[in-house]
C-alpha atoms as a PDB file:
ATOM      1  CA  PRO A   1     120.518 118.271 119.736  1.00  0.00           C
ATOM      2  CA  ILE A   2     120.294 114.872 118.166  1.00  0.00           C
ATOM      3  CA  ILE A   3     122.645 113.222 120.629  1.00  0.00           C
ATOM      4  CA  GLU A   4     122.318 114.145 124.266  1.00  0.00           C
ATOM      5  CA  ASP A   5     124.995 113.181 126.735  1.00  0.00           C
ATOM      6  CA  THR A   6     122.635 112.867 129.679  1.00  0.00           C
ATOM      7  CA  GLY A   7     122.521 109.166 130.346  1.00  0.00           C
ATOM      8  CA  SER A   8     124.204 105.848 130.041  1.00  0.00           C
ATOM      9  CA  PRO A   9     123.534 103.193 127.410  1.00  0.00           C
ATOM     10  CA  LEU A  10     121.687 101.256 130.103  1.00  0.00           C
ATOM     11  CA  ASP A  11     119.285 104.212 130.482  1.00  0.00           C
ATOM     12  CA  GLY A  12     118.613 104.029 126.752  1.00  0.00           C
ATOM     13  CA  ILE A  13     117.858 100.325 126.972  1.00  0.00           C
ATOM     14  CA  ARG A  14     115.445 100.947 129.861  1.00  0.00           C
ATOM     15  CA  GLU A  15     113.680 103.694 127.908  1.00  0.00           C
ATOM     16  CA  TYR A  16     113.409 101.407 124.880  1.00  0.00           C
ATOM     17  CA  GLY A  17     111.884  98.710 127.083  1.00  0.00           C
ATOM     18  CA  ASP A  18     109.316 101.194 128.387  1.00  0.00           C
ATOM     19  CA  ILE A  19     108.092 102.125 124.891  1.00  0.00           C
ATOM     20  CA  PHE A  20     108.463  98.679 123.318  1.00  0.00           C
ATOM     21  CA  THR A  21     104.845  97.581 123.750  1.00  0.00           C
ATOM     22  CA  SER A  22     103.319 100.755 122.373  1.00  0.00           C
ATOM     23  CA  PHE A  23     105.844 100.964 119.560  1.00  0.00           C
ATOM     24  CA  TYR A  24     105.434  97.386 118.319  1.00  0.00           C
ATOM     25  CA  PHE A  25     102.128  95.993 119.536  1.00  0.00           C
ATOM     26  CA  LYS A  26      99.758  98.892 118.859  1.00  0.00           C
ATOM     27  CA  PRO A  27     100.478  98.918 115.105  1.00  0.00           C
ATOM     28  CA  SER A  28      99.996  95.145 115.117  1.00  0.00           C
ATOM     29  CA  MET A  29      96.426  95.703 116.261  1.00  0.00           C
ATOM     30  CA  VAL A  30      95.811  97.361 112.875  1.00  0.00           C
ATOM     31  CA  TRP A  31      98.171  95.574 110.526  1.00  0.00           C
ATOM     32  CA  VAL A  32      97.597  91.944 111.511  1.00  0.00           C
ATOM     33  CA  PRO A  33      93.812  92.119 110.896  1.00  0.00           C
ATOM     34  CA  ALA A  34      94.400  94.234 107.771  1.00  0.00           C
ATOM     35  CA  HIS A  35      96.709  91.596 106.300  1.00  0.00           C
ATOM     36  CA  VAL A  36      94.350  88.795 107.264  1.00  0.00           C
ATOM     37  CA  VAL A  37      91.668  90.602 105.261  1.00  0.00           C
ATOM     38  CA  THR A  38      94.165  91.307 102.479  1.00  0.00           C
ATOM     39  CA  PHE A  39      95.066  87.676 101.937  1.00  0.00           C
ATOM     40  CA  THR A  40      91.670  86.096 102.609  1.00  0.00           C
ATOM     41  CA  VAL A  41      89.035  88.494 101.257  1.00  0.00           C
ATOM     42  CA  VAL A  42      90.535  91.099  98.926  1.00  0.00           C
ATOM     43  CA  PRO A  43      91.012  90.015  95.300  1.00  0.00           C
ATOM     44  CA  GLN A  44      94.631  89.924  94.186  1.00  0.00           C
ATOM     45  CA  LYS A  45      94.184  92.860  91.786  1.00  0.00           C
ATOM     46  CA  LEU A  46      92.971  95.118  94.619  1.00  0.00           C
ATOM     47  CA  ARG A  47      95.479  94.179  97.326  1.00  0.00           C
ATOM     48  CA  ILE A  48      97.824  97.101  96.732  1.00  0.00           C
ATOM     49  CA  ALA A  49      94.945  99.589  96.750  1.00  0.00           C
ATOM     50  CA  TRP A  50      93.522  98.023  99.927  1.00  0.00           C
ATOM     51  CA  THR A  51      96.889  98.116 101.720  1.00  0.00           C
ATOM     52  CA  ALA A  52      97.452 101.731 100.632  1.00  0.00           C
ATOM     53  CA  THR A  53      94.009 102.679 101.968  1.00  0.00           C
ATOM     54  CA  VAL A  54      94.713 101.051 105.326  1.00  0.00           C
ATOM     55  CA  SER A  55      98.097 102.770 105.392  1.00  0.00           C
ATOM     56  CA  VAL A  56      96.583 106.213 104.798  1.00  0.00           C
ATOM     57  CA  GLY A  57      94.022 105.539 107.525  1.00  0.00           C
ATOM     58  CA  TRP A  58      96.690 104.392 109.976  1.00  0.00           C
ATOM     59  CA  LEU A  59      98.974 107.344 109.249  1.00  0.00           C
ATOM     60  CA  SER A  60      96.058 109.769 109.614  1.00  0.00           C
ATOM     61  CA  PHE A  61      95.167 108.215 112.966  1.00  0.00           C
ATOM     62  CA  VAL A  62      98.745 108.387 114.242  1.00  0.00           C
ATOM     63  CA  SER A  63      99.213 111.937 112.964  1.00  0.00           C
ATOM     64  CA  TYR A  64      95.983 113.134 114.551  1.00  0.00           C
ATOM     65  CA  PHE A  65      96.913 111.812 117.983  1.00  0.00           C
ATOM     66  CA  ALA A  66     100.518 112.989 117.697  1.00  0.00           C
ATOM     67  CA  ASN A  67      99.274 116.496 116.961  1.00  0.00           C
ATOM     68  CA  GLN A  68      96.810 116.332 119.849  1.00  0.00           C
ATOM     69  CA  GLY A  69      99.735 115.814 122.190  1.00  0.00           C
ATOM     70  CA  ALA A  70     101.748 118.594 120.520  1.00  0.00           C
ATOM     71  CA  ALA A  71      98.793 120.998 120.735  1.00  0.00           C
ATOM     72  CA  GLY A  72      98.410 120.285 124.435  1.00  0.00           C
ATOM     73  CA  GLN A  73     102.099 120.925 125.049  1.00  0.00           C
ATOM     74  CA  SER A  74     102.089 124.214 123.112  1.00  0.00           C
ATOM     75  CA  GLU A  75      99.110 125.481 125.132  1.00  0.00           C
ATOM     76  CA  LEU A  76     100.911 124.629 128.361  1.00  0.00           C
ATOM     77  CA  GLY A  77     103.879 126.727 127.276  1.00  0.00           C
ATOM     78  CA  ARG A  78     101.806 129.917 126.933  1.00  0.00           C
END
């Protein structure tokens, strides 16, 4: 189910606080340096291509590790 009635709103706020650093700061470790490079090194005509390349790399990285966790969980269920 999309909405589970198992906790209070305060529980949701606590859970959000627990994942806040990984959810917001880990992507910043990629995107802040990428944008520094974008606006200091990359020529204006190539900025969109550069940002798209970084985006594909980031999404591949996130997808790979998300699937690693899913693969581990599916093997545990056997």
